[in-house]
Amino acid sequence: MKMPDRILLVEDDKDDQALFCEALSCVQPALSCQIANNGVEALDLIRQLPPFDIIFMDLNMPKMNGFECLKYLKDSPLFKHIPVIIISTSSHQFEIERCKQLGAAMYFTKPASFKELFDKLKNVLSKDLLN
């Protein structure tokens, strides 16, 4: 199984950004994690080299939301191979299904505690999402 080297977090909430990065560094200290505050910033970063191995993305963001950004990525021959994991406060089934239809690799609701987030990230990163 190939471990990711570069991760992009697309999230507009500063507290969620800090919690995610802290949990990620506890799971895999060597990972490089960059942050985009919305879909527009994410696309700017994604167009840079080297490419990201995995993208974690919130749905509700200003300028370009997660649905729009996910659709753009999965419609692009240059980026459709990058696994996108939706991490959102919403647990509505229609949003989960919509993300799956758009090509999300996984969807999970934002955990309520640091330990839950740590466990979730550890589980996600142990899966063979990279080809």
N, C-alpha and C. Protein backbone atom coordinates (compact mmCIF):
# COMPACT_ATOMS: atom_id res chain seq x y z
N MET A 1 0.83 -1.18 0.00
CA MET A 1 0.00 0.00 0.00
C MET A 1 0.88 1.25 0.00
N LYS A 2 0.60 2.17 -0.90
CA LYS A 2 1.35 3.43 -0.98
C LYS A 2 0.76 4.43 0.00
N MET A 3 1.61 4.99 0.82
CA MET A 3 1.18 6.02 1.77
C MET A 3 1.22 7.38 1.07
N PRO A 4 0.25 8.26 1.37
CA PRO A 4 0.26 9.59 0.76
C PRO A 4 1.41 10.44 1.29
N ASP A 5 1.89 11.33 0.45
CA ASP A 5 2.93 12.28 0.85
C ASP A 5 2.36 13.67 1.07
N ARG A 6 1.41 14.05 0.19
CA ARG A 6 0.86 15.40 0.23
C ARG A 6 -0.66 15.36 0.32
N ILE A 7 -1.18 16.09 1.28
CA ILE A 7 -2.62 16.15 1.51
C ILE A 7 -3.07 17.60 1.42
N LEU A 8 -4.24 17.79 0.84
CA LEU A 8 -4.86 19.11 0.80
C LEU A 8 -6.14 19.06 1.62
N LEU A 9 -6.28 19.99 2.54
CA LEU A 9 -7.52 20.15 3.29
C LEU A 9 -8.22 21.39 2.75
N VAL A 10 -9.45 21.22 2.31
CA VAL A 10 -10.25 22.34 1.80
C VAL A 10 -11.34 22.58 2.84
N GLU A 11 -11.14 23.62 3.64
CA GLU A 11 -11.98 23.87 4.81
C GLU A 11 -11.91 25.35 5.16
N ASP A 12 -13.05 25.98 5.39
CA ASP A 12 -13.06 27.41 5.67
C ASP A 12 -13.05 27.75 7.16
N ASP A 13 -13.28 26.78 8.02
CA ASP A 13 -13.32 27.02 9.46
C ASP A 13 -11.93 26.86 10.06
N LYS A 14 -11.40 27.93 10.66
CA LYS A 14 -10.03 27.92 11.20
C LYS A 14 -9.86 26.89 12.32
N ASP A 15 -10.86 26.75 13.18
CA ASP A 15 -10.77 25.77 14.26
C ASP A 15 -10.72 24.35 13.71
N ASP A 16 -11.55 24.07 12.71
CA ASP A 16 -11.54 22.74 12.08
C ASP A 16 -10.21 22.48 11.37
N GLN A 17 -9.65 23.53 10.75
CA GLN A 17 -8.35 23.39 10.10
C GLN A 17 -7.28 22.99 11.11
N ALA A 18 -7.25 23.70 12.24
CA ALA A 18 -6.24 23.43 13.26
C ALA A 18 -6.40 22.03 13.85
N LEU A 19 -7.63 21.64 14.13
CA LEU A 19 -7.89 20.31 14.69
C LEU A 19 -7.48 19.22 13.71
N PHE A 20 -7.83 19.39 12.45
CA PHE A 20 -7.49 18.41 11.42
C PHE A 20 -5.97 18.26 11.30
N CYS A 21 -5.27 19.38 11.20
CA CYS A 21 -3.82 19.33 11.03
C CYS A 21 -3.13 18.71 12.23
N GLU A 22 -3.62 19.01 13.42
CA GLU A 22 -3.04 18.42 14.63
C GLU A 22 -3.27 16.91 14.65
N ALA A 23 -4.49 16.48 14.36
CA ALA A 23 -4.79 15.04 14.34
C ALA A 23 -3.97 14.34 13.26
N LEU A 24 -3.87 14.95 12.10
CA LEU A 24 -3.10 14.36 11.00
C LEU A 24 -1.64 14.21 11.38
N SER A 25 -1.07 15.21 12.05
CA SER A 25 0.34 15.12 12.43
C SER A 25 0.56 14.04 13.48
N CYS A 26 -0.45 13.73 14.27
CA CYS A 26 -0.34 12.64 15.24
C CYS A 26 -0.43 11.28 14.55
N VAL A 27 -1.23 11.21 13.49
CA VAL A 27 -1.38 9.96 12.75
C VAL A 27 -0.13 9.68 11.92
N GLN A 28 0.34 10.70 11.20
CA GLN A 28 1.47 10.52 10.28
C GLN A 28 2.29 11.82 10.25
N PRO A 29 3.27 11.95 11.15
CA PRO A 29 4.02 13.20 11.27
C PRO A 29 4.73 13.66 9.99
N ALA A 30 5.07 12.76 9.10
CA ALA A 30 5.82 13.13 7.90
C ALA A 30 4.95 13.70 6.78
N LEU A 31 3.63 13.64 6.92
CA LEU A 31 2.75 14.12 5.86
C LEU A 31 2.81 15.63 5.73
N SER A 32 2.74 16.08 4.50
CA SER A 32 2.65 17.50 4.21
C SER A 32 1.18 17.83 3.97
N CYS A 33 0.65 18.74 4.77
CA CYS A 33 -0.76 19.12 4.63
C CYS A 33 -0.86 20.61 4.34
N GLN A 34 -1.48 20.93 3.22
CA GLN A 34 -1.73 22.33 2.88
C GLN A 34 -3.22 22.59 3.04
N ILE A 35 -3.56 23.86 3.21
CA ILE A 35 -4.95 24.24 3.46
C ILE A 35 -5.41 25.24 2.41
N ALA A 36 -6.62 25.02 1.93
CA ALA A 36 -7.33 25.98 1.09
C ALA A 36 -8.61 26.34 1.82
N ASN A 37 -9.00 27.60 1.79
CA ASN A 37 -10.19 28.05 2.52
C ASN A 37 -11.49 27.89 1.75
N ASN A 38 -11.40 27.54 0.48
CA ASN A 38 -12.60 27.34 -0.35
C ASN A 38 -12.18 26.63 -1.64
N GLY A 39 -13.16 26.32 -2.47
CA GLY A 39 -12.89 25.60 -3.70
C GLY A 39 -12.01 26.35 -4.68
N VAL A 40 -12.14 27.66 -4.73
CA VAL A 40 -11.32 28.47 -5.65
C VAL A 40 -9.85 28.37 -5.26
N GLU A 41 -9.57 28.55 -3.97
CA GLU A 41 -8.19 28.41 -3.50
C GLU A 41 -7.67 26.98 -3.72
N ALA A 42 -8.55 26.01 -3.52
CA ALA A 42 -8.16 24.61 -3.72
C ALA A 42 -7.72 24.37 -5.15
N LEU A 43 -8.49 24.84 -6.11
CA LEU A 43 -8.14 24.62 -7.51
C LEU A 43 -6.83 25.32 -7.87
N ASP A 44 -6.58 26.49 -7.29
CA ASP A 44 -5.30 27.17 -7.52
C ASP A 44 -4.14 26.31 -7.02
N LEU A 45 -4.28 25.74 -5.82
CA LEU A 45 -3.22 24.91 -5.26
C LEU A 45 -3.06 23.60 -6.02
N ILE A 46 -4.18 23.01 -6.43
CA ILE A 46 -4.16 21.71 -7.11
C ILE A 46 -3.45 21.82 -8.47
N ARG A 47 -3.53 22.97 -9.08
CA ARG A 47 -2.88 23.16 -10.38
C ARG A 47 -1.36 23.26 -10.27
N GLN A 48 -0.87 23.42 -9.04
CA GLN A 48 0.58 23.50 -8.82
C GLN A 48 1.17 22.10 -8.74
N LEU A 49 2.45 21.99 -9.02
CA LEU A 49 3.15 20.71 -8.89
C LEU A 49 4.00 20.74 -7.64
N PRO A 50 4.27 19.64 -7.00
CA PRO A 50 3.78 18.30 -7.31
C PRO A 50 2.32 18.14 -6.89
N PRO A 51 1.66 17.15 -7.45
CA PRO A 51 0.23 16.97 -7.17
C PRO A 51 -0.03 16.45 -5.75
N PHE A 52 -1.23 16.68 -5.28
CA PHE A 52 -1.66 16.15 -3.99
C PHE A 52 -2.05 14.69 -4.16
N ASP A 53 -1.83 13.91 -3.10
CA ASP A 53 -2.20 12.49 -3.12
C ASP A 53 -3.65 12.27 -2.71
N ILE A 54 -4.12 13.07 -1.77
CA ILE A 54 -5.49 12.96 -1.26
C ILE A 54 -5.98 14.37 -0.94
N ILE A 55 -7.29 14.58 -1.17
CA ILE A 55 -7.92 15.84 -0.83
C ILE A 55 -9.05 15.56 0.15
N PHE A 56 -9.03 16.24 1.30
CA PHE A 56 -10.14 16.22 2.25
C PHE A 56 -10.88 17.52 2.05
N MET A 57 -12.22 17.44 1.87
CA MET A 57 -12.97 18.64 1.50
C MET A 57 -14.27 18.78 2.26
N ASP A 58 -14.50 19.97 2.78
CA ASP A 58 -15.77 20.34 3.38
C ASP A 58 -16.75 20.65 2.25
N LEU A 59 -18.03 20.66 2.56
CA LEU A 59 -19.03 20.98 1.54
C LEU A 59 -19.44 22.44 1.55
N ASN A 60 -19.67 23.00 2.73
CA ASN A 60 -20.21 24.35 2.85
C ASN A 60 -19.09 25.36 3.02
N MET A 61 -18.76 26.02 1.91
CA MET A 61 -17.69 27.01 1.90
C MET A 61 -18.09 28.17 0.99
N PRO A 62 -17.48 29.35 1.22
CA PRO A 62 -17.76 30.50 0.33
C PRO A 62 -17.04 30.35 -1.00
N LYS A 63 -17.41 31.17 -1.94
CA LYS A 63 -16.82 31.29 -3.29
C LYS A 63 -17.09 30.07 -4.16
N MET A 64 -16.65 28.89 -3.76
CA MET A 64 -16.94 27.64 -4.49
C MET A 64 -17.10 26.56 -3.44
N ASN A 65 -18.29 25.96 -3.39
CA ASN A 65 -18.53 24.95 -2.36
C ASN A 65 -17.92 23.60 -2.75
N GLY A 66 -18.02 22.65 -1.84
CA GLY A 66 -17.42 21.34 -2.04
C GLY A 66 -18.03 20.56 -3.20
N PHE A 67 -19.33 20.69 -3.41
CA PHE A 67 -19.96 19.99 -4.53
C PHE A 67 -19.39 20.48 -5.86
N GLU A 68 -19.29 21.81 -6.00
CA GLU A 68 -18.78 22.39 -7.25
C GLU A 68 -17.32 22.01 -7.48
N CYS A 69 -16.52 22.07 -6.43
CA CYS A 69 -15.10 21.74 -6.56
C CYS A 69 -14.92 20.26 -6.88
N LEU A 70 -15.67 19.40 -6.20
CA LEU A 70 -15.61 17.96 -6.46
C LEU A 70 -15.98 17.66 -7.91
N LYS A 71 -17.05 18.27 -8.40
CA LYS A 71 -17.47 18.05 -9.79
C LYS A 71 -16.36 18.47 -10.76
N TYR A 72 -15.77 19.64 -10.51
CA TYR A 72 -14.70 20.13 -11.38
C TYR A 72 -13.54 19.13 -11.40
N LEU A 73 -13.12 18.68 -10.23
CA LEU A 73 -11.99 17.76 -10.13
C LEU A 73 -12.26 16.44 -10.85
N LYS A 74 -13.44 15.89 -10.65
CA LYS A 74 -13.75 14.58 -11.22
C LYS A 74 -14.08 14.66 -12.71
N ASP A 75 -14.40 15.85 -13.21
CA ASP A 75 -14.61 16.04 -14.65
C ASP A 75 -13.29 16.32 -15.38
N SER A 76 -12.23 16.59 -14.62
CA SER A 76 -10.95 16.95 -15.23
C SER A 76 -10.05 15.72 -15.41
N PRO A 77 -9.58 15.46 -16.62
CA PRO A 77 -8.66 14.34 -16.83
C PRO A 77 -7.37 14.48 -16.04
N LEU A 78 -6.98 15.70 -15.70
CA LEU A 78 -5.74 15.92 -14.96
C LEU A 78 -5.86 15.60 -13.47
N PHE A 79 -7.07 15.70 -12.93
CA PHE A 79 -7.24 15.59 -11.48
C PHE A 79 -8.18 14.49 -11.02
N LYS A 80 -8.88 13.84 -11.94
CA LYS A 80 -9.91 12.88 -11.52
C LYS A 80 -9.34 11.68 -10.77
N HIS A 81 -8.04 11.42 -10.89
CA HIS A 81 -7.42 10.29 -10.20
C HIS A 81 -7.15 10.56 -8.72
N ILE A 82 -7.22 11.83 -8.29
CA ILE A 82 -6.93 12.17 -6.90
C ILE A 82 -8.16 11.82 -6.04
N PRO A 83 -7.99 10.96 -5.04
CA PRO A 83 -9.12 10.64 -4.16
C PRO A 83 -9.56 11.88 -3.37
N VAL A 84 -10.87 12.11 -3.37
CA VAL A 84 -11.45 13.22 -2.62
C VAL A 84 -12.31 12.63 -1.52
N ILE A 85 -12.03 13.01 -0.29
CA ILE A 85 -12.78 12.54 0.86
C ILE A 85 -13.54 13.73 1.42
N ILE A 86 -14.85 13.59 1.43
CA ILE A 86 -15.70 14.67 1.95
C ILE A 86 -15.79 14.51 3.46
N ILE A 87 -15.55 15.61 4.14
CA ILE A 87 -15.67 15.65 5.59
C ILE A 87 -16.56 16.85 5.92
N SER A 88 -17.78 16.56 6.38
CA SER A 88 -18.79 17.59 6.53
C SER A 88 -19.58 17.41 7.82
N THR A 89 -20.21 18.49 8.26
CA THR A 89 -21.09 18.39 9.42
C THR A 89 -22.41 17.73 9.05
N SER A 90 -22.73 17.71 7.78
CA SER A 90 -24.00 17.14 7.32
C SER A 90 -23.96 15.62 7.28
N SER A 91 -25.03 15.02 7.75
CA SER A 91 -25.17 13.57 7.63
C SER A 91 -26.42 13.23 6.81
N HIS A 92 -26.89 14.20 6.01
CA HIS A 92 -28.06 13.98 5.17
C HIS A 92 -27.74 12.98 4.06
N GLN A 93 -28.57 11.98 3.93
CA GLN A 93 -28.31 10.91 2.97
C GLN A 93 -28.25 11.42 1.53
N PHE A 94 -29.08 12.41 1.18
CA PHE A 94 -29.05 12.91 -0.20
C PHE A 94 -27.73 13.60 -0.51
N GLU A 95 -27.11 14.25 0.47
CA GLU A 95 -25.81 14.87 0.23
C GLU A 95 -24.71 13.81 0.10
N ILE A 96 -24.80 12.78 0.91
CA ILE A 96 -23.84 11.67 0.82
C ILE A 96 -23.94 11.01 -0.55
N GLU A 97 -25.15 10.74 -1.00
CA GLU A 97 -25.35 10.12 -2.31
C GLU A 97 -24.88 11.03 -3.44
N ARG A 98 -25.16 12.31 -3.32
CA ARG A 98 -24.72 13.26 -4.35
C ARG A 98 -23.19 13.25 -4.47
N CYS A 99 -22.50 13.23 -3.33
CA CYS A 99 -21.04 13.21 -3.35
C CYS A 99 -20.51 11.92 -3.98
N LYS A 100 -21.15 10.81 -3.68
CA LYS A 100 -20.74 9.54 -4.28
C LYS A 100 -20.95 9.58 -5.79
N GLN A 101 -22.09 10.14 -6.22
CA GLN A 101 -22.36 10.24 -7.66
C GLN A 101 -21.35 11.15 -8.36
N LEU A 102 -20.88 12.16 -7.66
CA LEU A 102 -19.90 13.08 -8.24
C LEU A 102 -18.48 12.51 -8.23
N GLY A 103 -18.28 11.39 -7.51
CA GLY A 103 -16.99 10.73 -7.55
C GLY A 103 -16.17 10.77 -6.28
N ALA A 104 -16.76 11.17 -5.15
CA ALA A 104 -16.02 11.17 -3.89
C ALA A 104 -15.61 9.75 -3.52
N ALA A 105 -14.38 9.60 -3.02
CA ALA A 105 -13.88 8.29 -2.61
C ALA A 105 -14.52 7.86 -1.30
N MET A 106 -14.78 8.82 -0.41
CA MET A 106 -15.38 8.55 0.89
C MET A 106 -16.11 9.79 1.36
N TYR A 107 -16.98 9.58 2.35
CA TYR A 107 -17.72 10.67 2.98
C TYR A 107 -17.83 10.35 4.45
N PHE A 108 -17.45 11.29 5.30
CA PHE A 108 -17.73 11.08 6.72
C PHE A 108 -18.07 12.41 7.38
N THR A 109 -18.90 12.32 8.42
CA THR A 109 -19.27 13.52 9.16
C THR A 109 -18.13 13.90 10.10
N LYS A 110 -18.02 15.19 10.33
CA LYS A 110 -16.95 15.69 11.19
C LYS A 110 -17.11 15.11 12.59
N PRO A 111 -16.08 14.46 13.07
CA PRO A 111 -16.15 13.88 14.42
C PRO A 111 -16.27 14.97 15.49
N ALA A 112 -16.85 14.59 16.62
CA ALA A 112 -17.10 15.53 17.70
C ALA A 112 -15.88 15.74 18.61
N SER A 113 -14.91 14.85 18.54
CA SER A 113 -13.75 14.97 19.43
C SER A 113 -12.45 14.74 18.66
N PHE A 114 -11.35 15.16 19.29
CA PHE A 114 -10.04 14.95 18.69
C PHE A 114 -9.76 13.47 18.50
N LYS A 115 -10.07 12.65 19.52
CA LYS A 115 -9.81 11.22 19.42
C LYS A 115 -10.59 10.59 18.27
N GLU A 116 -11.84 10.97 18.10
CA GLU A 116 -12.64 10.44 16.99
C GLU A 116 -12.03 10.84 15.65
N LEU A 117 -11.58 12.09 15.54
CA LEU A 117 -10.96 12.54 14.30
C LEU A 117 -9.65 11.79 14.05
N PHE A 118 -8.84 11.64 15.08
CA PHE A 118 -7.59 10.88 14.98
C PHE A 118 -7.87 9.47 14.49
N ASP A 119 -8.84 8.79 15.12
CA ASP A 119 -9.18 7.41 14.74
C ASP A 119 -9.68 7.34 13.30
N LYS A 120 -10.50 8.32 12.91
CA LYS A 120 -11.05 8.34 11.55
C LYS A 120 -9.93 8.55 10.52
N LEU A 121 -9.04 9.49 10.78
CA LEU A 121 -7.93 9.75 9.85
C LEU A 121 -6.99 8.54 9.77
N LYS A 122 -6.73 7.93 10.89
CA LYS A 122 -5.88 6.73 10.91
C LYS A 122 -6.51 5.63 10.05
N ASN A 123 -7.80 5.46 10.19
CA ASN A 123 -8.53 4.46 9.40
C ASN A 123 -8.50 4.80 7.92
N VAL A 124 -8.79 6.05 7.58
CA VAL A 124 -8.82 6.48 6.18
C VAL A 124 -7.45 6.31 5.53
N LEU A 125 -6.40 6.72 6.23
CA LEU A 125 -5.06 6.65 5.65
C LEU A 125 -4.52 5.23 5.57
N SER A 126 -5.15 4.30 6.28
CA SER A 126 -4.72 2.90 6.19
C SER A 126 -5.36 2.20 4.99
N LYS A 127 -6.35 2.83 4.40
CA LYS A 127 -7.01 2.23 3.23
C LYS A 127 -6.17 2.49 1.98
N ASP A 128 -6.30 1.61 1.03
CA ASP A 128 -5.53 1.74 -0.21
C ASP A 128 -6.28 2.62 -1.20
N LEU A 129 -6.25 3.93 -0.97
CA LEU A 129 -6.95 4.87 -1.84
C LEU A 129 -6.08 5.28 -3.03
N LEU A 130 -4.78 5.05 -2.91
CA LEU A 130 -3.86 5.48 -3.97
C LEU A 130 -3.55 4.32 -4.88
N ASN A 131 -3.64 4.55 -6.15
CA ASN A 131 -3.36 3.47 -7.13
C ASN A 131 -1.91 3.44 -7.51
